[in-house]
Amino acid sequence: MAIKKTELYSSLWASCNALRGGMDASQYKDYVLTLLFLKYVSDKAKANPYAMIEVPEGASFDDMIKLKGNKDQAQRQ
């Protein structure tokens, strides 16, 4: 069964509100926009090895996803 566009938007907004918790929306957008930019650049660099931007090894969106759940990662540099 296809989902209606309004139901999708409502679901996305509810998810965003749940994720940001008590954080102010203006502060939350900074995190979300940064992640979206990182995802976009990583995908472009992966699709085109001759891209104008270079993503250092270990700094792609996929690398970040691999670290999901590693609470100790914030302590490392």
N, C-alpha and C. Protein backbone atom coordinates (compact mmCIF):
# COMPACT_ATOMS: atom_id res chain seq x y z
N MET A 1 0.84 -1.18 0.00
CA MET A 1 0.00 0.00 0.00
C MET A 1 0.89 1.24 0.00
N ALA A 2 0.61 2.17 -0.87
CA ALA A 2 1.40 3.41 -0.98
C ALA A 2 1.05 4.35 0.17
N ILE A 3 2.07 5.05 0.63
CA ILE A 3 1.87 6.01 1.70
C ILE A 3 1.60 7.38 1.10
N LYS A 4 0.70 8.12 1.72
CA LYS A 4 0.38 9.46 1.24
C LYS A 4 1.51 10.41 1.61
N LYS A 5 1.67 11.43 0.77
CA LYS A 5 2.74 12.40 1.00
C LYS A 5 2.59 13.09 2.36
N THR A 6 1.38 13.42 2.75
CA THR A 6 1.16 14.09 4.03
C THR A 6 1.53 13.17 5.20
N GLU A 7 1.24 11.88 5.06
CA GLU A 7 1.61 10.92 6.10
C GLU A 7 3.13 10.80 6.21
N LEU A 8 3.80 10.80 5.06
CA LEU A 8 5.26 10.74 5.05
C LEU A 8 5.85 11.97 5.74
N TYR A 9 5.37 13.15 5.38
CA TYR A 9 5.87 14.38 6.00
C TYR A 9 5.63 14.38 7.50
N SER A 10 4.46 13.95 7.92
CA SER A 10 4.15 13.89 9.35
C SER A 10 5.08 12.93 10.07
N SER A 11 5.34 11.80 9.46
CA SER A 11 6.23 10.81 10.05
C SER A 11 7.66 11.35 10.15
N LEU A 12 8.13 12.02 9.10
CA LEU A 12 9.48 12.60 9.12
C LEU A 12 9.61 13.67 10.19
N TRP A 13 8.61 14.55 10.30
CA TRP A 13 8.65 15.59 11.32
C TRP A 13 8.64 14.99 12.71
N ALA A 14 7.82 13.98 12.92
CA ALA A 14 7.76 13.33 14.23
C ALA A 14 9.11 12.69 14.57
N SER A 15 9.75 12.07 13.58
CA SER A 15 11.07 11.47 13.80
C SER A 15 12.10 12.53 14.16
N CYS A 16 12.10 13.62 13.44
CA CYS A 16 13.04 14.71 13.73
C CYS A 16 12.82 15.27 15.13
N ASN A 17 11.58 15.46 15.50
CA ASN A 17 11.28 15.97 16.84
C ASN A 17 11.73 15.01 17.92
N ALA A 18 11.56 13.72 17.68
CA ALA A 18 11.99 12.71 18.66
C ALA A 18 13.51 12.68 18.78
N LEU A 19 14.20 12.82 17.66
CA LEU A 19 15.67 12.78 17.67
C LEU A 19 16.28 13.99 18.36
N ARG A 20 15.71 15.15 18.15
CA ARG A 20 16.31 16.34 18.73
C ARG A 20 16.00 16.49 20.21
N GLY A 21 14.99 15.77 20.68
CA GLY A 21 14.67 15.80 22.10
C GLY A 21 14.42 17.21 22.60
N GLY A 22 15.17 17.62 23.62
CA GLY A 22 14.98 18.95 24.20
C GLY A 22 15.81 20.03 23.54
N MET A 23 16.58 19.68 22.52
CA MET A 23 17.44 20.65 21.85
C MET A 23 16.60 21.62 21.03
N ASP A 24 16.99 22.87 21.03
CA ASP A 24 16.30 23.89 20.25
C ASP A 24 16.44 23.57 18.75
N ALA A 25 15.38 23.78 17.99
CA ALA A 25 15.38 23.46 16.56
C ALA A 25 16.46 24.23 15.81
N SER A 26 16.74 25.46 16.19
CA SER A 26 17.76 26.25 15.49
C SER A 26 19.15 25.66 15.70
N GLN A 27 19.38 25.05 16.84
CA GLN A 27 20.66 24.40 17.10
C GLN A 27 20.71 23.03 16.40
N TYR A 28 19.62 22.33 16.40
CA TYR A 28 19.52 21.00 15.79
C TYR A 28 19.81 21.04 14.30
N LYS A 29 19.33 22.10 13.64
CA LYS A 29 19.52 22.20 12.19
C LYS A 29 20.99 22.25 11.82
N ASP A 30 21.83 22.81 12.67
CA ASP A 30 23.26 22.85 12.39
C ASP A 30 23.84 21.44 12.28
N TYR A 31 23.42 20.56 13.17
CA TYR A 31 23.89 19.17 13.14
C TYR A 31 23.37 18.44 11.91
N VAL A 32 22.09 18.62 11.62
CA VAL A 32 21.48 17.92 10.49
C VAL A 32 22.07 18.39 9.17
N LEU A 33 22.22 19.70 9.00
CA LEU A 33 22.78 20.21 7.75
C LEU A 33 24.23 19.76 7.56
N THR A 34 24.98 19.69 8.64
CA THR A 34 26.36 19.21 8.56
C THR A 34 26.40 17.76 8.11
N LEU A 35 25.53 16.93 8.68
CA LEU A 35 25.47 15.52 8.28
C LEU A 35 25.02 15.34 6.84
N LEU A 36 24.05 16.15 6.42
CA LEU A 36 23.60 16.07 5.02
C LEU A 36 24.71 16.47 4.06
N PHE A 37 25.47 17.50 4.40
CA PHE A 37 26.58 17.92 3.57
C PHE A 37 27.65 16.83 3.49
N LEU A 38 27.97 16.25 4.63
CA LEU A 38 28.96 15.17 4.66
C LEU A 38 28.50 13.99 3.80
N LYS A 39 27.23 13.64 3.89
CA LYS A 39 26.67 12.54 3.09
C LYS A 39 26.77 12.86 1.60
N TYR A 40 26.41 14.08 1.24
CA TYR A 40 26.43 14.49 -0.17
C TYR A 40 27.86 14.44 -0.73
N VAL A 41 28.80 15.01 -0.01
CA VAL A 41 30.19 15.04 -0.47
C VAL A 41 30.76 13.62 -0.55
N SER A 42 30.49 12.80 0.45
CA SER A 42 30.98 11.42 0.45
C SER A 42 30.44 10.64 -0.74
N ASP A 43 29.16 10.79 -1.03
CA ASP A 43 28.55 10.08 -2.16
C ASP A 43 29.13 10.55 -3.49
N LYS A 44 29.33 11.85 -3.64
CA LYS A 44 29.90 12.39 -4.88
C LYS A 44 31.33 11.89 -5.07
N ALA A 45 32.12 11.90 -4.01
CA ALA A 45 33.51 11.45 -4.10
C ALA A 45 33.59 9.96 -4.40
N LYS A 46 32.67 9.18 -3.83
CA LYS A 46 32.66 7.74 -4.06
C LYS A 46 32.26 7.42 -5.50
N ALA A 47 31.34 8.20 -6.05
CA ALA A 47 30.84 7.95 -7.40
C ALA A 47 31.84 8.39 -8.47
N ASN A 48 32.68 9.37 -8.16
CA ASN A 48 33.62 9.90 -9.14
C ASN A 48 35.01 10.01 -8.52
N PRO A 49 35.91 9.08 -8.85
CA PRO A 49 37.25 9.13 -8.26
C PRO A 49 38.05 10.37 -8.67
N TYR A 50 37.61 11.06 -9.71
CA TYR A 50 38.30 12.27 -10.17
C TYR A 50 37.55 13.53 -9.72
N ALA A 51 36.76 13.43 -8.68
CA ALA A 51 35.98 14.56 -8.18
C ALA A 51 36.90 15.68 -7.71
N MET A 52 36.39 16.89 -7.70
CA MET A 52 37.17 18.05 -7.30
C MET A 52 37.46 18.07 -5.80
N ILE A 53 36.70 17.31 -5.04
CA ILE A 53 36.89 17.28 -3.60
C ILE A 53 37.39 15.90 -3.19
N GLU A 54 38.28 15.88 -2.25
CA GLU A 54 38.85 14.62 -1.78
C GLU A 54 38.42 14.37 -0.33
N VAL A 55 37.85 13.22 -0.11
CA VAL A 55 37.45 12.84 1.25
C VAL A 55 38.57 11.96 1.79
N PRO A 56 39.22 12.40 2.87
CA PRO A 56 40.33 11.61 3.42
C PRO A 56 39.87 10.22 3.86
N GLU A 57 40.76 9.25 3.80
CA GLU A 57 40.44 7.90 4.22
C GLU A 57 40.01 7.91 5.68
N GLY A 58 38.89 7.27 5.96
CA GLY A 58 38.37 7.21 7.32
C GLY A 58 37.45 8.36 7.67
N ALA A 59 37.20 9.27 6.71
CA ALA A 59 36.38 10.45 7.00
C ALA A 59 35.09 10.50 6.19
N SER A 60 34.73 9.42 5.52
CA SER A 60 33.51 9.42 4.73
C SER A 60 32.29 9.15 5.60
N PHE A 61 31.14 9.37 5.03
CA PHE A 61 29.89 9.09 5.74
C PHE A 61 29.79 7.61 6.07
N ASP A 62 30.21 6.76 5.13
CA ASP A 62 30.18 5.31 5.38
C ASP A 62 31.08 4.92 6.55
N ASP A 63 32.25 5.57 6.65
CA ASP A 63 33.16 5.31 7.77
C ASP A 63 32.52 5.72 9.09
N MET A 64 31.80 6.83 9.05
CA MET A 64 31.14 7.31 10.26
C MET A 64 30.03 6.34 10.68
N ILE A 65 29.31 5.80 9.72
CA ILE A 65 28.25 4.84 10.02
C ILE A 65 28.83 3.58 10.67
N LYS A 66 30.02 3.17 10.23
CA LYS A 66 30.66 1.99 10.82
C LYS A 66 30.96 2.19 12.30
N LEU A 67 31.13 3.44 12.71
CA LEU A 67 31.45 3.76 14.11
C LEU A 67 30.21 3.90 14.98
N LYS A 68 29.05 3.78 14.38
CA LYS A 68 27.79 3.93 15.12
C LYS A 68 27.76 2.97 16.31
N GLY A 69 27.44 3.51 17.46
CA GLY A 69 27.34 2.71 18.66
C GLY A 69 28.64 2.61 19.43
N ASN A 70 29.74 3.11 18.87
CA ASN A 70 31.03 3.07 19.54
C ASN A 70 31.15 4.31 20.43
N LYS A 71 30.75 4.18 21.67
CA LYS A 71 30.71 5.33 22.58
C LYS A 71 32.11 5.84 22.92
N ASP A 72 33.11 4.99 22.74
CA ASP A 72 34.48 5.37 23.04
C ASP A 72 35.10 6.24 21.94
N GLN A 73 34.48 6.30 20.76
CA GLN A 73 35.04 7.01 19.62
C GLN A 73 35.25 8.49 19.89
N ALA A 74 34.39 9.12 20.65
CA ALA A 74 34.51 10.56 20.91
C ALA A 74 35.79 10.88 21.68
N GLN A 75 36.34 9.91 22.38
CA GLN A 75 37.54 10.14 23.15
C GLN A 75 38.80 10.06 22.31
N ARG A 76 38.74 9.45 21.14
CA ARG A 76 39.90 9.25 20.28
C ARG A 76 40.10 10.44 19.36
N GLN A 77 41.35 10.58 18.90
CA GLN A 77 41.61 11.64 17.90
C GLN A 77 42.46 11.11 16.80
